[in-house]
Protein backbone atom coordinates (compact mmCIF):
# COMPACT_ATOMS: atom_id res chain seq x y z
CA MET A 1 117.28 6.99 -236.10
CA ASN A 2 119.90 4.64 -234.63
CA ILE A 3 122.58 5.67 -232.19
CA PHE A 4 125.85 3.96 -231.20
CA LEU A 5 126.78 4.96 -227.68
CA THR A 6 130.09 4.34 -225.92
CA GLY A 7 130.45 4.63 -222.14
CA SER A 8 126.78 3.58 -221.75
CA THR A 9 127.22 2.24 -218.19
CA GLY A 10 129.38 5.16 -217.06
CA PHE A 11 128.43 8.29 -215.05
CA LEU A 12 127.63 10.61 -218.01
CA GLY A 13 127.06 7.81 -220.50
CA GLY A 14 124.43 6.29 -218.25
CA GLU A 15 122.52 9.54 -218.08
CA LEU A 16 122.76 9.98 -221.80
CA LEU A 17 121.49 6.46 -222.36
CA VAL A 18 118.43 7.05 -220.27
CA ASP A 19 117.69 10.44 -221.79
CA LEU A 20 118.22 9.22 -225.34
CA ALA A 21 115.94 6.24 -224.71
CA LYS A 22 113.14 8.67 -223.92
CA ARG A 23 113.41 10.49 -227.26
CA GLN A 24 110.79 9.49 -229.86
CA GLU A 25 113.26 10.26 -232.67
CA VAL A 26 115.48 7.34 -231.44
CA ASP A 27 114.70 3.87 -232.75
CA LYS A 28 117.67 1.89 -231.47
CA ILE A 29 120.62 2.57 -229.18
CA TYR A 30 123.58 0.25 -229.67
CA CYS A 31 125.48 0.31 -226.38
CA LEU A 32 129.11 -0.59 -226.25
CA VAL A 33 129.55 -2.68 -223.10
CA ARG A 34 132.49 -4.53 -221.57
CA ALA A 35 130.93 -7.80 -220.53
CA LEU A 36 131.56 -11.55 -220.39
CA SER A 37 128.46 -12.32 -222.46
CA GLU A 38 125.45 -10.69 -224.00
CA GLU A 39 123.39 -11.70 -220.93
CA HIS A 40 125.96 -10.02 -218.65
CA ALA A 41 125.86 -6.89 -220.85
CA ILE A 42 122.05 -6.75 -220.67
CA LEU A 43 122.19 -7.00 -216.86
CA ARG A 44 124.61 -4.07 -216.73
CA LEU A 45 122.42 -2.01 -218.96
CA LYS A 46 119.24 -2.89 -217.04
CA HIS A 47 120.93 -1.62 -213.86
CA VAL A 48 121.42 1.80 -215.46
CA PHE A 49 117.64 2.05 -215.91
CA GLU A 50 116.63 0.36 -212.66
CA LEU A 51 118.54 2.82 -210.46
CA HIS A 52 115.83 5.46 -210.73
CA GLY A 53 112.93 3.41 -212.06
CA ASP A 54 113.34 4.21 -215.74
CA ILE A 55 111.90 1.79 -218.35
CA PHE A 56 114.33 -0.58 -220.07
CA ASP A 57 113.16 -1.52 -223.57
CA PRO A 58 115.12 -4.54 -224.83
CA LYS A 59 113.98 -3.78 -228.39
CA LYS A 60 115.49 -0.32 -228.20
CA ILE A 61 118.57 -0.91 -226.04
CA ILE A 62 120.92 -3.32 -227.76
CA PRO A 63 124.27 -4.34 -226.25
CA VAL A 64 127.42 -4.46 -228.39
CA LEU A 65 130.24 -6.35 -226.71
CA GLY A 66 133.68 -4.77 -226.92
CA ASN A 67 136.44 -2.88 -225.19
CA LEU A 68 137.54 0.52 -226.44
CA GLY A 69 141.16 -0.16 -225.50
CA GLU A 70 141.54 -3.42 -227.46
CA HIS A 71 143.70 -3.82 -230.55
CA ASP A 72 141.94 -3.54 -233.93
CA PHE A 73 138.75 -2.41 -232.27
CA ALA A 74 137.51 -0.94 -235.55
CA LYS A 75 137.62 -4.39 -237.12
CA ASN A 76 135.59 -5.78 -234.22
CA LEU A 77 132.93 -3.19 -234.84
CA SER A 78 132.91 -3.72 -238.63
CA ALA A 79 132.42 -7.45 -238.07
CA GLN A 80 129.16 -6.78 -236.11
CA LYS A 81 126.91 -6.02 -239.13
CA VAL A 82 123.91 -5.33 -236.91
CA ILE A 83 125.27 -1.86 -236.19
CA ASP A 84 125.89 -0.94 -239.83
CA ASP A 85 122.69 1.11 -239.81
CA THR A 86 124.07 3.56 -237.23
CA HIS A 87 123.17 7.21 -237.92
CA ILE A 88 124.73 8.85 -234.88
CA ILE A 89 127.77 8.01 -232.84
CA VAL A 90 127.91 9.40 -229.31
CA HIS A 91 131.43 8.88 -227.99
CA SER A 92 131.10 9.32 -224.20
CA ALA A 93 133.56 6.64 -223.02
CA ALA A 94 136.95 7.79 -221.64
CA ASN A 95 139.48 7.04 -218.93
CA THR A 96 139.19 10.13 -216.76
CA SER A 97 141.99 9.31 -214.28
CA PHE A 98 144.17 12.27 -213.22
CA SER A 99 146.81 10.02 -211.74
CA LYS A 100 150.19 9.90 -213.58
CA VAL A 101 150.26 6.15 -212.78
CA TYR A 102 147.52 5.64 -215.35
CA ASP A 103 148.84 8.00 -218.05
CA LYS A 104 149.60 5.16 -220.56
CA VAL A 105 146.14 3.62 -220.03
CA VAL A 106 144.55 7.02 -220.43
CA GLU A 107 146.32 7.51 -223.73
CA GLN A 108 145.43 4.02 -224.94
CA VAL A 109 141.73 4.48 -224.23
CA ASN A 110 141.31 8.12 -225.06
CA ILE A 111 143.59 8.48 -228.10
CA SER A 112 143.85 4.97 -229.59
CA GLY A 113 140.22 4.34 -228.72
CA ILE A 114 138.82 7.29 -230.66
CA ASN A 115 141.13 6.56 -233.53
CA GLU A 116 139.48 3.10 -233.79
CA ILE A 117 136.00 4.57 -233.55
CA ILE A 118 136.80 7.11 -236.28
CA LYS A 119 138.10 4.36 -238.58
CA TRP A 120 134.90 2.48 -238.10
CA SER A 121 132.75 5.62 -238.56
CA LEU A 122 134.26 6.16 -242.01
CA THR A 123 132.71 2.83 -243.14
CA LEU A 124 129.20 3.84 -242.12
CA LYS A 125 127.14 4.80 -245.17
CA ASN A 126 124.36 6.42 -243.12
CA LEU A 127 126.41 8.37 -240.57
CA GLN A 128 124.89 11.76 -239.92
CA THR A 129 126.60 12.98 -236.75
CA PHE A 130 129.63 12.08 -234.65
CA VAL A 131 129.19 13.45 -231.14
CA TYR A 132 132.46 13.69 -229.28
CA ILE A 133 132.25 14.35 -225.56
CA GLY A 134 135.44 16.20 -224.60
CA THR A 135 136.14 18.60 -221.79
CA ALA A 136 136.32 22.35 -221.56
CA THR A 137 139.56 22.04 -219.60
CA ILE A 138 141.48 21.25 -222.77
CA CYS A 139 142.23 24.96 -222.83
CA GLY A 140 145.06 24.15 -220.40
CA LYS A 141 146.44 25.87 -217.37
CA ASP A 142 147.90 28.98 -219.06
CA ILE A 143 144.53 30.73 -219.08
CA VAL A 144 143.64 32.02 -215.58
CA ASN A 145 140.94 34.06 -213.89
CA ARG A 146 138.74 34.75 -216.92
CA SER A 147 135.99 33.43 -219.18
CA VAL A 148 137.13 31.01 -221.87
CA LYS A 149 135.47 30.78 -225.30
CA GLU A 150 135.15 27.66 -227.45
CA GLU A 151 137.33 29.01 -230.25
CA GLU A 152 140.40 29.19 -227.94
CA SER A 153 140.76 25.43 -228.10
CA PRO A 154 142.31 23.14 -229.19
CA ASN A 155 145.73 24.75 -228.77
CA LEU A 156 148.73 22.48 -229.18
CA LYS A 157 150.85 25.01 -227.24
CA ALA A 158 148.62 24.69 -224.16
CA HIS A 159 150.15 23.21 -221.00
CA HIS A 160 147.96 20.66 -219.19
CA VAL A 161 147.38 19.97 -215.53
CA VAL A 162 146.89 16.28 -216.28
CA ARG A 163 147.40 13.95 -219.24
CA TYR A 164 143.67 13.32 -219.45
CA THR A 165 142.92 16.82 -220.78
CA TYR A 166 145.74 16.49 -223.36
CA THR A 167 144.23 13.23 -224.65
CA LYS A 168 140.80 14.82 -224.94
CA MET A 169 142.32 17.64 -226.92
CA MET A 170 144.05 15.21 -229.26
CA GLY A 171 140.78 13.39 -229.75
CA GLU A 172 139.18 16.59 -231.03
CA ILE A 173 142.06 17.21 -233.39
CA MET A 174 141.90 13.69 -234.78
CA LEU A 175 138.16 13.87 -235.30
CA THR A 176 138.19 17.24 -237.13
CA LYS A 177 140.92 15.97 -239.47
CA SER A 178 138.99 12.83 -240.38
CA LEU A 179 135.32 13.84 -240.81
CA PRO A 180 133.66 16.75 -242.56
CA LYS A 181 132.63 19.62 -240.24
CA GLU A 182 128.92 19.15 -240.92
CA LYS A 183 129.07 15.65 -239.39
CA ILE A 184 130.86 16.69 -236.18
CA LEU A 185 129.34 17.87 -232.89
CA ILE A 186 131.96 18.47 -230.14
CA VAL A 187 130.57 19.07 -226.67
CA ARG A 188 132.87 20.15 -223.86
CA PRO A 189 131.48 19.75 -220.36
CA SER A 190 133.22 21.70 -217.64
CA ILE A 191 133.59 20.07 -214.19
CA ILE A 192 130.68 17.61 -213.72
CA MET A 193 130.01 17.22 -210.04
CA GLY A 194 126.88 15.74 -208.44
CA ASP A 195 123.28 15.81 -209.52
CA SER A 196 120.78 18.61 -209.01
CA ARG A 197 117.98 16.06 -208.45
CA ASP A 198 117.64 15.02 -204.83
CA TRP A 199 118.18 11.30 -205.28
CA ILE A 200 120.87 8.60 -205.07
CA PRO A 201 123.64 9.60 -207.49
CA ARG A 202 124.49 7.23 -210.33
CA SER A 203 128.07 7.34 -209.13
CA TYR A 204 129.53 8.50 -205.81
CA VAL A 205 133.00 8.82 -207.34
CA ILE A 206 132.11 12.13 -208.95
CA LEU A 207 131.76 13.64 -205.48
CA TRP A 208 135.11 12.24 -204.33
CA ALA A 209 136.98 15.52 -204.38
CA ILE A 210 134.28 17.17 -202.28
CA GLU A 211 134.38 14.49 -199.62
CA THR A 212 138.18 14.58 -199.54
CA VAL A 213 138.12 18.32 -198.95
CA ASN A 214 135.39 17.71 -196.39
CA MET A 215 137.71 15.36 -194.53
CA LEU A 216 140.81 17.63 -194.63
CA ARG A 217 139.10 20.94 -193.74
CA LEU A 218 142.38 22.87 -194.04
CA ILE A 219 142.70 23.37 -197.81
CA PRO A 220 145.75 24.84 -199.58
CA VAL A 221 143.93 26.60 -202.42
CA ASN A 222 142.38 29.99 -203.13
CA GLY A 223 138.84 29.44 -201.96
CA LYS A 224 137.52 32.48 -203.87
CA SER A 225 138.74 31.42 -207.35
CA ALA A 226 135.85 30.92 -209.75
CA LEU A 227 134.87 27.34 -210.54
CA ASP A 228 132.80 26.18 -213.47
CA VAL A 229 130.82 23.23 -212.09
CA ILE A 230 127.64 21.68 -213.50
CA PRO A 231 125.40 18.80 -212.37
CA ILE A 232 125.22 15.57 -214.38
CA ASP A 233 121.51 16.04 -215.28
CA PHE A 234 122.24 19.45 -216.86
CA ALA A 235 125.15 17.99 -218.81
CA SER A 236 123.08 15.15 -220.22
CA LYS A 237 120.08 17.37 -221.04
CA ALA A 238 122.21 19.92 -222.79
CA ILE A 239 123.98 17.28 -224.91
CA THR A 240 120.78 15.50 -225.92
CA THR A 241 119.01 18.76 -226.67
CA LEU A 242 121.89 19.91 -228.83
CA LEU A 243 121.90 16.68 -230.74
CA PHE A 244 118.33 17.23 -232.01
CA ALA A 245 118.46 21.05 -232.17
CA LYS A 246 119.18 23.30 -235.13
CA ARG A 247 122.82 24.04 -234.43
CA ASN A 248 124.74 27.07 -235.58
CA HIS A 249 128.09 25.77 -234.37
CA SER A 250 129.99 22.55 -234.18
CA VAL A 251 131.63 23.08 -230.76
CA TYR A 252 129.84 23.98 -227.53
CA HIS A 253 130.82 24.43 -223.93
CA ILE A 254 128.44 22.62 -221.58
CA SER A 255 129.14 24.79 -218.61
CA SER A 256 127.87 27.06 -215.86
CA GLY A 257 129.16 30.18 -217.48
CA ALA A 258 129.71 33.31 -215.41
CA ALA A 259 126.09 33.51 -214.32
CA SER A 260 126.11 30.20 -212.47
CA ALA A 261 129.76 29.87 -211.55
CA THR A 262 130.74 28.89 -208.02
CA SER A 263 133.95 28.68 -205.92
CA SER A 264 135.50 26.29 -203.44
CA GLU A 265 134.47 28.63 -200.64
CA LEU A 266 130.82 28.76 -201.75
CA ILE A 267 130.67 24.96 -202.04
CA THR A 268 132.25 24.28 -198.67
CA ASN A 269 129.92 26.88 -197.04
CA ALA A 270 126.99 24.96 -198.58
CA ILE A 271 127.92 21.58 -197.17
CA ALA A 272 129.33 22.77 -193.81
CA LYS A 273 125.98 22.73 -192.04
CA SER A 274 125.64 18.99 -192.72
CA PHE A 275 128.84 18.35 -190.69
CA PRO A 276 128.54 20.57 -187.56
CA ASP A 277 130.96 18.48 -185.50
CA LEU A 278 133.92 18.96 -187.86
CA PRO A 279 136.42 21.88 -187.75
CA PRO A 280 135.43 24.89 -189.89
CA PHE A 281 136.78 24.98 -193.44
CA LYS A 282 139.85 27.16 -193.84
CA PHE A 283 141.62 28.01 -197.08
CA VAL A 284 145.32 28.78 -196.99
CA ASP A 285 147.97 29.61 -199.58
CA LYS A 286 148.65 26.81 -202.05
CA GLU A 287 152.33 26.95 -201.12
CA LEU A 288 151.43 25.28 -197.86
CA MET A 289 150.69 22.08 -199.80
CA LYS A 290 154.42 21.25 -199.55
CA GLU A 291 154.30 21.57 -195.77
CA VAL A 292 151.09 19.54 -195.52
CA LYS A 293 152.90 16.80 -197.44
CA LEU A 294 155.86 16.98 -195.07
CA TRP A 295 153.52 16.68 -192.12
CA ALA A 296 151.99 13.56 -193.63
CA LYS A 297 155.49 12.13 -193.97
CA LYS A 298 156.24 13.13 -190.34
CA LYS A 299 159.02 15.37 -191.60
CA LEU A 300 157.61 18.85 -190.96
CA PRO A 301 160.49 21.02 -189.68
CA GLU A 302 160.25 23.19 -186.60
CA GLY A 303 159.17 26.75 -187.35
CA SER A 304 156.92 25.72 -190.23
CA LYS A 305 154.06 28.10 -190.93
CA LEU A 306 151.76 25.06 -190.77
CA TYR A 307 152.18 24.88 -186.98
CA GLU A 308 150.06 28.10 -186.84
CA TYR A 309 147.12 25.78 -187.58
CA GLY A 310 147.67 23.47 -184.68
CA SER A 311 144.02 22.63 -184.16
CA TYR A 312 143.85 21.20 -187.68
CA LEU A 313 147.05 19.18 -187.13
CA ASP A 314 145.48 17.69 -183.99
CA TYR A 315 142.31 16.95 -185.97
CA TRP A 316 144.36 15.13 -188.65
CA LYS A 317 146.15 13.09 -185.96
CA ASN A 318 142.72 11.95 -184.68
CA SER A 319 141.25 11.38 -188.18
CA PHE A 320 144.06 9.46 -189.80
CA THR A 321 145.36 6.43 -187.85
CA ASP A 322 148.08 6.09 -190.46
CA THR A 323 149.45 9.29 -192.13
CA ASN A 324 150.15 7.28 -195.24
CA GLU A 325 146.42 7.40 -195.84
CA MET A 326 146.59 11.20 -195.87
CA ARG A 327 149.58 11.08 -198.28
CA ILE A 328 147.48 8.97 -200.71
CA LEU A 329 144.57 11.51 -200.48
CA LEU A 330 146.87 14.48 -201.02
CA ALA A 331 148.52 12.97 -204.07
CA ALA A 332 145.13 12.29 -205.65
CA LEU A 333 143.61 15.61 -204.63
CA GLU A 334 146.43 17.85 -205.85
CA PRO A 335 145.36 18.01 -209.54
CA TYR A 336 141.83 18.98 -208.45
CA LEU A 337 143.24 21.79 -206.32
CA GLU A 338 145.33 23.00 -209.26
CA PHE A 339 142.22 23.15 -211.46
CA ALA A 340 140.39 25.00 -208.63
CA GLU A 341 143.16 27.60 -208.51
CA LEU A 342 142.91 28.53 -212.19
CA GLY A 343 139.76 30.64 -211.92
CA GLN A 344 138.42 29.46 -215.29
CA VAL A 345 134.84 29.94 -216.34
CA PHE A 346 133.66 28.63 -219.74
CA ASP A 347 131.42 30.81 -221.87
CA ASN A 348 128.10 28.99 -222.55
CA THR A 349 126.45 31.63 -224.71
CA LYS A 350 126.35 29.43 -227.83
CA LEU A 351 124.77 26.52 -225.91
CA LEU A 352 121.99 28.65 -224.36
CA GLN A 353 121.22 30.40 -227.64
CA ASP A 354 120.91 27.21 -229.70
CA THR A 355 119.02 25.06 -227.10
CA GLN A 356 116.96 27.74 -225.34
CA LEU A 357 117.94 26.08 -222.08
CA SER A 358 118.04 28.09 -218.83
CA GLU A 359 121.26 28.60 -216.88
CA PRO A 360 122.18 25.59 -214.76
CA GLU A 361 121.60 25.64 -211.01
CA PRO A 362 124.85 26.83 -209.27
CA ALA A 363 126.84 24.05 -207.69
CA HIS A 364 126.81 25.54 -204.21
CA SER A 365 123.01 25.40 -204.38
CA TYR A 366 122.47 21.76 -205.45
CA LEU A 367 125.49 20.35 -203.65
CA ALA A 368 123.96 21.50 -200.37
CA ARG A 369 121.26 18.89 -201.03
CA ALA A 370 123.81 16.24 -202.05
CA ALA A 371 125.86 16.59 -198.90
CA LYS A 372 124.02 13.73 -197.23
CA TYR A 373 125.49 11.34 -199.79
CA LEU A 374 129.13 12.26 -199.01
CA LYS A 375 129.32 9.78 -196.12
CA ASN A 376 128.85 6.93 -198.62
CA ILE A 377 132.06 7.70 -200.47
CA ASP A 378 135.15 5.56 -199.84
CA VAL A 379 137.71 8.33 -200.37
CA PHE A 380 140.74 5.97 -200.14
CA ALA A 381 139.36 3.60 -202.78
CA GLY A 382 138.72 6.62 -205.03
CA ALA A 383 142.22 7.97 -204.46
CA ILE A 384 143.90 4.70 -205.29
CA ASP A 385 141.74 3.84 -208.29
CA PRO A 386 140.19 7.11 -209.47
């Protein structure tokens, strides 16, 4: 069985590549890689395996040079006859930026990109399964404080926190209109954050929001709202298990579900002991975000409720030599806080039934072990180029 994998050097794609390479059912994995040459592509793929000492088999891992955002990408793929024997497409690549600055790029990669992959897939004589990795948050921001089932999405009337989730919804719609249902497997991870294994994470960026909250300490969000967060290793294991399982459905949430859900408060309590010298975490009404922004602009009016938290304002003065840095962080963090306020949990009953997997470890449990890696995150680089 031969697999064509996009996003193979990314956070989730890299995990999928390593996990798929260990499967005896898999003969070849064609890995889409942005690279200057085949040699450069091989070096990038080798790095994915070297990070945690996994075996790189050059006979099994085959680079395919290309860029998902390029014009006529389907023609590029069709011209590479070596991948004509693809049986499974795993489309993991995406631009995941929440910043409005990147909306056009996000649409180009996530909508135009899958359109090109679909066009190419229709030329494959041996295609068995097209795996589309979406996101559970395509349900939008109208659903709050309850469990969400797979069949509630996609919904064209949904309002979205960020353009990214809209593009992932459109990707699902395009795929289901183009391929027969029996060839489609849509997996929707919830919020992927960290790794439950106690080792160096494949990417620190995925912990960016946690470290930003860790720096601010005074957080304008409901800390008790439920959060559906899963570790990268559970996400990858669930997807690869589903791929080779007897499936009763074509769409699955890859999520914590109610049993393993967490909250901002539980997560911050878990990491607090690793930073004993910092002020205690405090959650305040989300309406205070406006005043926090005014403080960062040095325009906070007298009588503001924010002055009640004077010790935190003093801490910010000492932590940020330039308040513009804080403005950058706040702008990047705001969509994450909006997601955290929704109280959404994604039902994972179908996943657990069809894979026989156990519930994932709750985020507040494994993130306590990952706290030591937070100091390695450059939050300002992550905020500017998420």
